[in-house]
Every structure is written in structure tokens, then in C-alpha cells.
């Protein structure tokens, strides 16, 4: 009876706009799909760090996310380090031997152009490690290490569920 209750709640919540639906797990990456009136369908994959070094004293829940917008087919990388970033700072990203700077706004960071997003994704598809170095507005720092294991499968799944029919 209890199982039926939870299934009913899940199905009723799934019918609402702005409720992400978990699609699949791929080692360290999870694929979701999301439908909204404003953006249409978008899909994203997300991962949490496998290792974090930080002097920030508040419990953080950092992640990196790659979002694909179905209507425009644009893919966008974003980073959340678990705190508000230092004003006018950049987040430094190291993907194997390549380094990138992501601009920050409040508690999120993005790459500057669509072309740079494409280059970063291309490197992510070949890499093993993704490191993020960020500075908080509270004079603390974080270095987060992400495993790329499962990224290629998650990325391909995201493209599949968000392709234009």
C-alpha cells in the first residue's frame, strides 16, 4: 500500500511544470530531462566531486552541470561551488592539461561564449579529471576534483533524450 502511495505522489508531481525527471545514472554522472513553458524541453547531466579541498566552514554541495536546450540545441556548462563567489573573480578549471576561466555571478559560474563551451565539452569528452578552483565572497577557497568516468555515456544519453524529433 505504501509503495502505491509513493508511486502516485511521484506520478502526480511529474505532471507539474518545472519538475526534473531523472533519466539515468552513468557512474559519476546523472542525466535528467526537464520541461518548461519558457524554455521548452531541456536535458542536463550533473556530477558531484569525488574529492574536495576547502577552508570554507559551511557544508558545501558543489556540482558541475552540462545543459542542452532542445529548441536551440545549445549546450552550456555551469559550475556551482557551494558558496557565493568572490566579486569579479573567475573560477579556474583544469581539464587534464587545458585550463579555462569561467566568469562568476553570485553562486554560479559559466564559460563566456558558446564557442568556448563547445571547446570545453570537446576536452571533457577526452579527459579523466576535471578540477575546479574557486574563491568565495567570504575569503575562503575550494578545489573540487570531478571524475569524468561515465561522462561520455551521460553526454550521449543527454543528446539522445533532447534531440529534435
N, C-alpha and C. Protein backbone atom coordinates (compact mmCIF):
# COMPACT_ATOMS: atom_id res chain seq x y z
N UNK A 1 0.82 -1.18 0.00
CA UNK A 1 0.00 0.00 0.00
C UNK A 1 0.88 1.26 0.00
N UNK A 2 1.91 1.27 0.84
CA UNK A 2 2.79 2.42 0.94
C UNK A 2 3.50 2.66 -0.39
N UNK A 3 3.93 1.60 -1.06
CA UNK A 3 4.62 1.72 -2.35
C UNK A 3 3.70 2.38 -3.38
N UNK A 4 2.45 1.98 -3.41
CA UNK A 4 1.47 2.57 -4.32
C UNK A 4 1.30 4.06 -4.02
N UNK A 5 1.30 4.43 -2.74
CA UNK A 5 1.17 5.82 -2.32
C UNK A 5 2.33 6.65 -2.90
N UNK A 6 3.58 6.17 -2.77
CA UNK A 6 4.74 6.90 -3.27
C UNK A 6 4.73 6.98 -4.80
N UNK A 7 4.32 5.93 -5.47
CA UNK A 7 4.24 5.95 -6.93
C UNK A 7 3.21 6.99 -7.38
N UNK A 8 2.07 7.04 -6.70
CA UNK A 8 1.02 8.02 -7.03
C UNK A 8 1.54 9.44 -6.84
N UNK A 9 2.25 9.70 -5.75
CA UNK A 9 2.80 11.03 -5.49
C UNK A 9 3.82 11.38 -6.58
N UNK A 10 4.71 10.46 -6.91
CA UNK A 10 5.72 10.72 -7.94
C UNK A 10 5.06 11.05 -9.28
N UNK A 11 4.08 10.25 -9.67
CA UNK A 11 3.41 10.48 -10.96
C UNK A 11 2.66 11.80 -10.97
N UNK A 12 2.06 12.18 -9.85
CA UNK A 12 1.35 13.46 -9.82
C UNK A 12 2.33 14.62 -9.85
N UNK A 13 3.48 14.50 -9.19
CA UNK A 13 4.49 15.56 -9.23
C UNK A 13 5.10 15.68 -10.62
N UNK A 14 5.26 14.56 -11.30
CA UNK A 14 5.86 14.56 -12.63
C UNK A 14 5.02 15.34 -13.63
N UNK A 15 3.74 15.46 -13.37
CA UNK A 15 2.86 16.15 -14.30
C UNK A 15 3.02 17.67 -14.22
N UNK A 16 3.60 18.18 -13.13
CA UNK A 16 3.77 19.62 -12.98
C UNK A 16 4.94 20.13 -13.80
N UNK A 17 4.79 21.37 -14.28
CA UNK A 17 5.87 22.05 -14.98
C UNK A 17 7.01 22.30 -13.99
N UNK A 18 8.23 22.37 -14.47
CA UNK A 18 9.41 22.69 -13.67
C UNK A 18 9.82 21.58 -12.71
N UNK A 19 9.51 20.36 -13.00
CA UNK A 19 9.91 19.25 -12.15
C UNK A 19 10.84 18.35 -12.95
N UNK A 20 12.13 18.30 -12.61
CA UNK A 20 13.06 17.47 -13.39
C UNK A 20 12.77 15.98 -13.22
N UNK A 21 12.97 15.24 -14.29
CA UNK A 21 12.76 13.80 -14.26
C UNK A 21 14.11 13.11 -14.42
N UNK A 22 14.46 12.28 -13.47
CA UNK A 22 15.71 11.53 -13.53
C UNK A 22 15.61 10.52 -14.65
N UNK A 23 16.58 10.54 -15.55
CA UNK A 23 16.56 9.62 -16.68
C UNK A 23 17.46 8.41 -16.42
N UNK A 24 18.75 8.66 -16.07
CA UNK A 24 19.67 7.53 -15.94
C UNK A 24 20.94 7.92 -15.17
N UNK A 25 21.60 6.88 -14.65
CA UNK A 25 22.88 7.03 -13.96
C UNK A 25 23.99 6.49 -14.86
N UNK A 26 25.12 7.19 -14.86
CA UNK A 26 26.29 6.77 -15.63
C UNK A 26 27.53 6.99 -14.76
N UNK A 27 27.84 6.04 -13.92
CA UNK A 27 28.93 6.13 -12.95
C UNK A 27 28.78 7.39 -12.12
N UNK A 28 29.62 8.41 -12.36
CA UNK A 28 29.60 9.63 -11.56
C UNK A 28 28.67 10.70 -12.13
N UNK A 29 27.93 10.40 -13.16
CA UNK A 29 27.08 11.37 -13.84
C UNK A 29 25.63 10.91 -13.85
N UNK A 30 24.71 11.85 -13.72
CA UNK A 30 23.28 11.57 -13.74
C UNK A 30 22.64 12.42 -14.83
N UNK A 31 21.78 11.81 -15.64
CA UNK A 31 21.07 12.52 -16.70
C UNK A 31 19.63 12.79 -16.27
N UNK A 32 19.17 14.01 -16.56
CA UNK A 32 17.80 14.44 -16.26
C UNK A 32 17.19 15.07 -17.50
N UNK A 33 15.87 15.12 -17.51
CA UNK A 33 15.16 15.92 -18.51
C UNK A 33 14.17 16.81 -17.77
N UNK A 34 13.84 17.92 -18.41
CA UNK A 34 13.08 18.97 -17.76
C UNK A 34 12.25 19.70 -18.81
N UNK A 35 11.00 19.92 -18.53
CA UNK A 35 10.10 20.58 -19.49
C UNK A 35 9.55 21.85 -18.84
N UNK A 36 9.62 22.96 -19.58
CA UNK A 36 9.03 24.20 -19.08
C UNK A 36 8.41 24.96 -20.24
N UNK A 37 7.44 25.79 -19.91
CA UNK A 37 6.79 26.60 -20.95
C UNK A 37 7.78 27.62 -21.52
N UNK A 38 8.62 28.17 -20.66
CA UNK A 38 9.55 29.24 -21.07
C UNK A 38 10.64 28.74 -22.02
N UNK A 39 11.29 27.61 -21.70
CA UNK A 39 12.42 27.11 -22.49
C UNK A 39 12.10 25.89 -23.33
N UNK A 40 10.96 25.29 -23.14
CA UNK A 40 10.68 24.02 -23.79
C UNK A 40 11.43 22.92 -23.05
N UNK A 41 11.78 21.89 -23.76
CA UNK A 41 12.49 20.77 -23.13
C UNK A 41 13.98 21.09 -23.05
N UNK A 42 14.54 20.78 -21.90
CA UNK A 42 15.99 20.84 -21.76
C UNK A 42 16.43 19.61 -20.99
N UNK A 43 17.64 19.18 -21.27
CA UNK A 43 18.19 18.00 -20.64
C UNK A 43 19.52 18.41 -20.01
N UNK A 44 19.88 17.74 -18.96
CA UNK A 44 21.17 18.06 -18.36
C UNK A 44 21.77 16.85 -17.68
N UNK A 45 23.10 16.91 -17.57
CA UNK A 45 23.83 15.89 -16.83
C UNK A 45 24.59 16.62 -15.73
N UNK A 46 24.73 15.95 -14.61
CA UNK A 46 25.29 16.59 -13.43
C UNK A 46 26.19 15.61 -12.68
N UNK A 47 27.22 16.16 -12.04
CA UNK A 47 28.12 15.33 -11.24
C UNK A 47 28.59 16.11 -10.02
N UNK A 48 28.83 15.39 -8.94
CA UNK A 48 29.41 15.96 -7.73
C UNK A 48 30.88 15.56 -7.65
N UNK A 49 31.69 16.33 -6.92
CA UNK A 49 33.12 16.00 -6.85
C UNK A 49 33.38 14.68 -6.13
N UNK A 50 34.48 14.03 -6.54
CA UNK A 50 34.91 12.82 -5.85
C UNK A 50 35.87 13.17 -4.72
N UNK A 51 36.39 14.42 -4.76
CA UNK A 51 37.31 14.90 -3.73
C UNK A 51 37.20 16.41 -3.67
N UNK A 52 37.21 16.98 -2.44
CA UNK A 52 37.16 18.42 -2.26
C UNK A 52 38.16 18.85 -1.20
N UNK A 53 38.86 19.93 -1.49
CA UNK A 53 39.73 20.58 -0.52
C UNK A 53 39.21 22.00 -0.37
N UNK A 54 38.91 22.39 0.88
CA UNK A 54 38.36 23.72 1.08
C UNK A 54 38.59 24.18 2.51
N UNK A 55 38.74 25.50 2.66
CA UNK A 55 38.78 26.05 4.01
C UNK A 55 37.46 26.75 4.34
N UNK A 56 36.46 26.52 3.51
CA UNK A 56 35.13 27.08 3.74
C UNK A 56 34.48 26.30 4.87
N UNK A 57 33.95 27.00 5.87
CA UNK A 57 33.46 26.31 7.06
C UNK A 57 31.99 25.90 7.01
N UNK A 58 31.32 26.16 5.92
CA UNK A 58 29.92 25.75 5.78
C UNK A 58 29.86 24.53 4.86
N UNK A 59 28.98 23.59 5.19
CA UNK A 59 28.83 22.38 4.36
C UNK A 59 28.45 22.77 2.95
N UNK A 60 29.25 22.34 2.00
CA UNK A 60 29.03 22.66 0.58
C UNK A 60 28.49 21.45 -0.16
N UNK A 61 27.78 21.70 -1.24
CA UNK A 61 27.30 20.64 -2.13
C UNK A 61 27.58 21.07 -3.57
N UNK A 62 28.86 21.09 -3.95
CA UNK A 62 29.22 21.57 -5.29
C UNK A 62 28.84 20.57 -6.39
N UNK A 63 28.71 21.10 -7.62
CA UNK A 63 28.45 20.26 -8.77
C UNK A 63 28.85 20.98 -10.05
N UNK A 64 29.05 20.18 -11.11
CA UNK A 64 29.14 20.73 -12.46
C UNK A 64 27.97 20.18 -13.24
N UNK A 65 27.49 20.99 -14.18
CA UNK A 65 26.31 20.60 -14.94
C UNK A 65 26.50 21.01 -16.39
N UNK A 66 26.07 20.14 -17.28
CA UNK A 66 26.04 20.43 -18.71
C UNK A 66 24.58 20.35 -19.13
N UNK A 67 24.07 21.47 -19.66
CA UNK A 67 22.66 21.57 -20.05
C UNK A 67 22.55 21.68 -21.56
N UNK A 68 21.58 20.98 -22.13
CA UNK A 68 21.28 21.06 -23.57
C UNK A 68 19.84 21.55 -23.71
N UNK A 69 19.65 22.63 -24.46
CA UNK A 69 18.33 23.18 -24.73
C UNK A 69 17.84 22.59 -26.05
N UNK A 70 16.72 21.87 -26.00
CA UNK A 70 16.25 21.15 -27.18
C UNK A 70 15.92 22.09 -28.34
N UNK A 71 15.23 23.18 -28.09
CA UNK A 71 14.80 24.07 -29.17
C UNK A 71 15.96 24.67 -29.94
N UNK A 72 17.00 25.12 -29.23
CA UNK A 72 18.14 25.78 -29.88
C UNK A 72 19.32 24.84 -30.10
N UNK A 73 19.32 23.70 -29.42
CA UNK A 73 20.41 22.73 -29.45
C UNK A 73 21.70 23.29 -28.85
N UNK A 74 21.60 24.38 -28.10
CA UNK A 74 22.76 24.96 -27.42
C UNK A 74 23.10 24.11 -26.20
N UNK A 75 24.41 23.90 -25.96
CA UNK A 75 24.90 23.18 -24.78
C UNK A 75 25.70 24.16 -23.94
N UNK A 76 25.44 24.16 -22.63
CA UNK A 76 26.03 25.15 -21.73
C UNK A 76 26.55 24.47 -20.46
N UNK A 77 27.78 24.78 -20.09
CA UNK A 77 28.39 24.24 -18.87
C UNK A 77 28.23 25.26 -17.76
N UNK A 78 27.88 24.79 -16.57
CA UNK A 78 27.82 25.67 -15.41
C UNK A 78 28.44 24.97 -14.21
N UNK A 79 28.93 25.79 -13.29
CA UNK A 79 29.60 25.28 -12.09
C UNK A 79 29.00 25.95 -10.86
N UNK A 80 28.72 25.15 -9.85
CA UNK A 80 28.25 25.62 -8.56
C UNK A 80 29.23 25.07 -7.53
N UNK A 81 29.90 25.96 -6.79
CA UNK A 81 30.91 25.52 -5.82
C UNK A 81 30.38 25.42 -4.40
N UNK A 82 29.13 25.77 -4.19
CA UNK A 82 28.55 25.62 -2.86
C UNK A 82 28.63 26.87 -2.01
N UNK A 83 29.00 27.99 -2.63
CA UNK A 83 29.03 29.26 -1.92
C UNK A 83 28.96 30.40 -2.94
N UNK A 84 28.73 31.60 -2.44
CA UNK A 84 28.74 32.77 -3.32
C UNK A 84 30.19 33.11 -3.64
N UNK A 85 30.46 33.38 -4.93
CA UNK A 85 31.82 33.64 -5.37
C UNK A 85 32.27 35.05 -5.01
N UNK A 86 33.59 35.19 -4.88
CA UNK A 86 34.20 36.49 -4.66
C UNK A 86 33.83 37.40 -5.83
N UNK A 87 33.51 38.64 -5.55
CA UNK A 87 33.10 39.61 -6.56
C UNK A 87 34.19 39.78 -7.61
N UNK A 88 33.80 39.78 -8.87
CA UNK A 88 34.71 39.95 -10.01
C UNK A 88 35.81 38.88 -10.10
N UNK A 89 35.54 37.70 -9.57
CA UNK A 89 36.54 36.63 -9.64
C UNK A 89 36.19 35.68 -10.77
N UNK A 90 37.16 34.89 -11.17
CA UNK A 90 36.94 33.82 -12.14
C UNK A 90 37.12 32.49 -11.43
N UNK A 91 36.43 31.49 -11.92
CA UNK A 91 36.65 30.13 -11.47
C UNK A 91 37.64 29.52 -12.44
N UNK A 92 38.67 28.92 -11.91
CA UNK A 92 39.69 28.30 -12.77
C UNK A 92 39.40 26.82 -12.90
N UNK A 93 39.39 26.35 -14.14
CA UNK A 93 39.09 24.96 -14.43
C UNK A 93 40.27 24.34 -15.14
N UNK A 94 40.68 23.17 -14.67
CA UNK A 94 41.74 22.42 -15.32
C UNK A 94 41.15 21.10 -15.79
N UNK A 95 41.20 20.88 -17.10
CA UNK A 95 40.72 19.63 -17.70
C UNK A 95 41.94 18.97 -18.29
N UNK A 96 42.44 17.93 -17.61
CA UNK A 96 43.72 17.33 -17.95
C UNK A 96 44.76 18.44 -18.05
N UNK A 97 45.30 18.75 -19.23
CA UNK A 97 46.34 19.78 -19.35
C UNK A 97 45.82 21.13 -19.85
N UNK A 98 44.53 21.27 -20.03
CA UNK A 98 43.95 22.51 -20.55
C UNK A 98 43.31 23.30 -19.42
N UNK A 99 43.55 24.61 -19.40
CA UNK A 99 42.93 25.45 -18.36
C UNK A 99 41.98 26.46 -18.99
N UNK A 100 40.93 26.75 -18.25
CA UNK A 100 39.88 27.67 -18.68
C UNK A 100 39.48 28.55 -17.51
N UNK A 101 38.95 29.73 -17.83
CA UNK A 101 38.40 30.61 -16.81
C UNK A 101 36.91 30.76 -17.05
N UNK A 102 36.13 30.53 -16.01
CA UNK A 102 34.69 30.71 -16.05
C UNK A 102 34.36 31.98 -15.29
N UNK A 103 33.47 32.81 -15.83
CA UNK A 103 33.09 34.03 -15.11
C UNK A 103 32.04 33.67 -14.06
N UNK A 104 31.96 34.47 -13.02
CA UNK A 104 31.06 34.18 -11.91
C UNK A 104 29.97 35.24 -11.79
N UNK A 105 28.84 34.80 -11.29
CA UNK A 105 27.75 35.70 -10.92
C UNK A 105 27.06 35.07 -9.73
N UNK A 106 27.16 35.73 -8.60
CA UNK A 106 26.63 35.23 -7.33
C UNK A 106 27.22 33.87 -7.00
N UNK A 107 26.43 32.77 -7.16
CA UNK A 107 26.92 31.44 -6.77
C UNK A 107 27.07 30.48 -7.95
N UNK A 108 27.05 31.01 -9.18
CA UNK A 108 27.21 30.17 -10.37
C UNK A 108 28.33 30.71 -11.25
N UNK A 109 28.91 29.81 -12.06
CA UNK A 109 29.98 30.20 -12.99
C UNK A 109 29.72 29.56 -14.35
N UNK A 110 30.04 30.31 -15.42
CA UNK A 110 29.84 29.85 -16.79
C UNK A 110 31.05 30.24 -17.63
N UNK A 111 31.17 29.57 -18.75
CA UNK A 111 32.17 29.94 -19.76
C UNK A 111 31.60 31.15 -20.51
N UNK A 112 32.43 31.94 -21.15
CA UNK A 112 31.96 33.22 -21.72
C UNK A 112 31.20 33.12 -23.04
N UNK A 113 31.54 32.18 -23.90
CA UNK A 113 30.90 32.13 -25.22
C UNK A 113 30.45 30.71 -25.55
N UNK A 114 29.54 30.63 -26.50
CA UNK A 114 29.06 29.34 -26.97
C UNK A 114 30.19 28.52 -27.60
N UNK A 115 31.09 29.21 -28.31
CA UNK A 115 32.24 28.54 -28.94
C UNK A 115 33.17 27.95 -27.87
N UNK A 116 33.41 28.68 -26.80
CA UNK A 116 34.24 28.16 -25.71
C UNK A 116 33.57 26.96 -25.04
N UNK A 117 32.25 27.03 -24.89
CA UNK A 117 31.51 25.87 -24.34
C UNK A 117 31.80 24.63 -25.19
N UNK A 118 31.73 24.79 -26.50
CA UNK A 118 32.00 23.66 -27.40
C UNK A 118 33.41 23.12 -27.21
N UNK A 119 34.38 24.01 -27.05
CA UNK A 119 35.77 23.57 -26.85
C UNK A 119 35.94 22.84 -25.52
N UNK A 120 35.32 23.36 -24.47
CA UNK A 120 35.41 22.72 -23.16
C UNK A 120 34.76 21.34 -23.21
N UNK A 121 33.61 21.23 -23.83
CA UNK A 121 32.91 19.94 -23.94
C UNK A 121 33.78 18.94 -24.71
N UNK A 122 34.41 19.40 -25.77
CA UNK A 122 35.30 18.54 -26.56
C UNK A 122 36.43 17.99 -25.67
N UNK A 123 37.00 18.83 -24.83
CA UNK A 123 38.06 18.38 -23.92
C UNK A 123 37.50 17.44 -22.84
N UNK A 124 36.31 17.74 -22.36
CA UNK A 124 35.69 16.89 -21.33
C UNK A 124 35.45 15.48 -21.86
N UNK A 125 35.10 15.37 -23.12
CA UNK A 125 34.83 14.06 -23.72
C UNK A 125 36.09 13.19 -23.78
N UNK A 126 37.26 13.81 -23.74
CA UNK A 126 38.52 13.06 -23.81
C UNK A 126 39.23 12.94 -22.47
N UNK A 127 38.74 13.62 -21.45
CA UNK A 127 39.51 13.76 -20.21
C UNK A 127 39.16 12.72 -19.16
N UNK A 128 40.00 12.68 -18.15
CA UNK A 128 39.79 11.80 -16.99
C UNK A 128 39.43 12.60 -15.74
N UNK A 129 40.01 13.80 -15.62
CA UNK A 129 39.84 14.63 -14.42
C UNK A 129 39.42 16.04 -14.81
N UNK A 130 38.54 16.60 -14.02
CA UNK A 130 38.05 17.97 -14.18
C UNK A 130 38.23 18.62 -12.81
N UNK A 131 39.10 19.62 -12.69
CA UNK A 131 39.35 20.28 -11.40
C UNK A 131 38.84 21.71 -11.46
N UNK A 132 38.25 22.14 -10.35
CA UNK A 132 37.70 23.48 -10.24
C UNK A 132 38.33 24.17 -9.03
N UNK A 133 38.89 25.37 -9.26
CA UNK A 133 39.47 26.18 -8.18
C UNK A 133 38.64 27.45 -8.09
N UNK A 134 38.02 27.70 -6.93
CA UNK A 134 37.16 28.87 -6.78
C UNK A 134 37.40 29.57 -5.45
N UNK A 135 37.11 30.87 -5.43
CA UNK A 135 37.26 31.70 -4.23
C UNK A 135 35.89 32.24 -3.84
N UNK A 136 35.58 32.17 -2.56
CA UNK A 136 34.27 32.60 -2.09
C UNK A 136 34.29 34.08 -1.71
N UNK A 137 33.11 34.63 -1.56
CA UNK A 137 32.95 36.02 -1.11
C UNK A 137 33.37 36.15 0.35
N UNK A 138 33.59 35.05 1.04
CA UNK A 138 33.94 35.05 2.46
C UNK A 138 35.42 34.79 2.69
N UNK A 139 36.24 35.01 1.66
CA UNK A 139 37.70 34.85 1.73
C UNK A 139 38.11 33.40 1.97
N UNK A 140 37.32 32.46 1.51
CA UNK A 140 37.70 31.05 1.56
C UNK A 140 37.86 30.54 0.13
N UNK A 141 38.34 29.32 0.00
CA UNK A 141 38.57 28.77 -1.33
C UNK A 141 38.07 27.32 -1.36
N UNK A 142 38.01 26.77 -2.56
CA UNK A 142 37.68 25.36 -2.73
C UNK A 142 38.38 24.85 -3.98
N UNK A 143 38.87 23.63 -3.90
CA UNK A 143 39.40 22.91 -5.06
C UNK A 143 38.62 21.60 -5.11
N UNK A 144 37.82 21.46 -6.16
CA UNK A 144 36.96 20.29 -6.31
C UNK A 144 37.46 19.45 -7.48
N UNK A 145 37.56 18.13 -7.27
CA UNK A 145 38.03 17.18 -8.28
C UNK A 145 36.85 16.33 -8.71
N UNK A 146 36.57 16.33 -10.01
CA UNK A 146 35.47 15.55 -10.57
C UNK A 146 36.02 14.43 -11.44
N UNK A 147 35.42 13.27 -11.34
CA UNK A 147 35.78 12.16 -12.21
C UNK A 147 34.96 12.27 -13.49
N UNK A 148 35.59 12.00 -14.60
CA UNK A 148 34.89 12.05 -15.87
C UNK A 148 34.38 10.66 -16.28
N UNK A 149 34.54 9.69 -15.38
CA UNK A 149 34.06 8.34 -15.68
C UNK A 149 32.54 8.38 -15.86
N UNK A 150 32.07 7.91 -16.98
CA UNK A 150 30.65 7.91 -17.29
C UNK A 150 30.18 9.14 -18.05
N UNK A 151 31.06 10.15 -18.18
CA UNK A 151 30.66 11.39 -18.84
C UNK A 151 30.23 11.17 -20.29
N UNK A 152 31.00 10.39 -21.04
CA UNK A 152 30.69 10.19 -22.46
C UNK A 152 29.32 9.54 -22.61
N UNK A 153 29.05 8.51 -21.81
CA UNK A 153 27.73 7.85 -21.88
C UNK A 153 26.60 8.80 -21.48
N UNK A 154 26.83 9.55 -20.40
CA UNK A 154 25.81 10.50 -19.95
C UNK A 154 25.58 11.58 -21.00
N UNK A 155 26.65 12.06 -21.60
CA UNK A 155 26.56 13.09 -22.64
C UNK A 155 25.77 12.57 -23.84
N UNK A 156 26.08 11.37 -24.28
CA UNK A 156 25.35 10.78 -25.41
C UNK A 156 23.87 10.56 -25.07
N UNK A 157 23.60 10.15 -23.85
CA UNK A 157 22.21 9.96 -23.43
C UNK A 157 21.48 11.30 -23.40
N UNK A 158 22.13 12.35 -22.90
CA UNK A 158 21.53 13.67 -22.86
C UNK A 158 21.18 14.14 -24.27
N UNK A 159 22.10 13.93 -25.22
CA UNK A 159 21.83 14.33 -26.60
C UNK A 159 20.67 13.54 -27.19
N UNK A 160 20.57 12.27 -26.82
CA UNK A 160 19.51 11.42 -27.34
C UNK A 160 18.13 11.86 -26.84
N UNK A 161 18.02 12.14 -25.54
CA UNK A 161 16.70 12.50 -24.99
C UNK A 161 16.32 13.94 -25.32
N UNK A 162 17.26 14.76 -25.76
CA UNK A 162 16.95 16.14 -26.09
C UNK A 162 17.11 16.45 -27.58
N UNK A 163 17.11 15.44 -28.41
CA UNK A 163 17.21 15.70 -29.84
C UNK A 163 15.88 16.23 -30.36
N UNK A 164 15.95 16.91 -31.48
CA UNK A 164 14.74 17.43 -32.10
C UNK A 164 14.08 16.30 -32.88
N UNK A 165 12.82 16.07 -32.62
CA UNK A 165 12.09 14.96 -33.27
C UNK A 165 11.69 15.30 -34.68
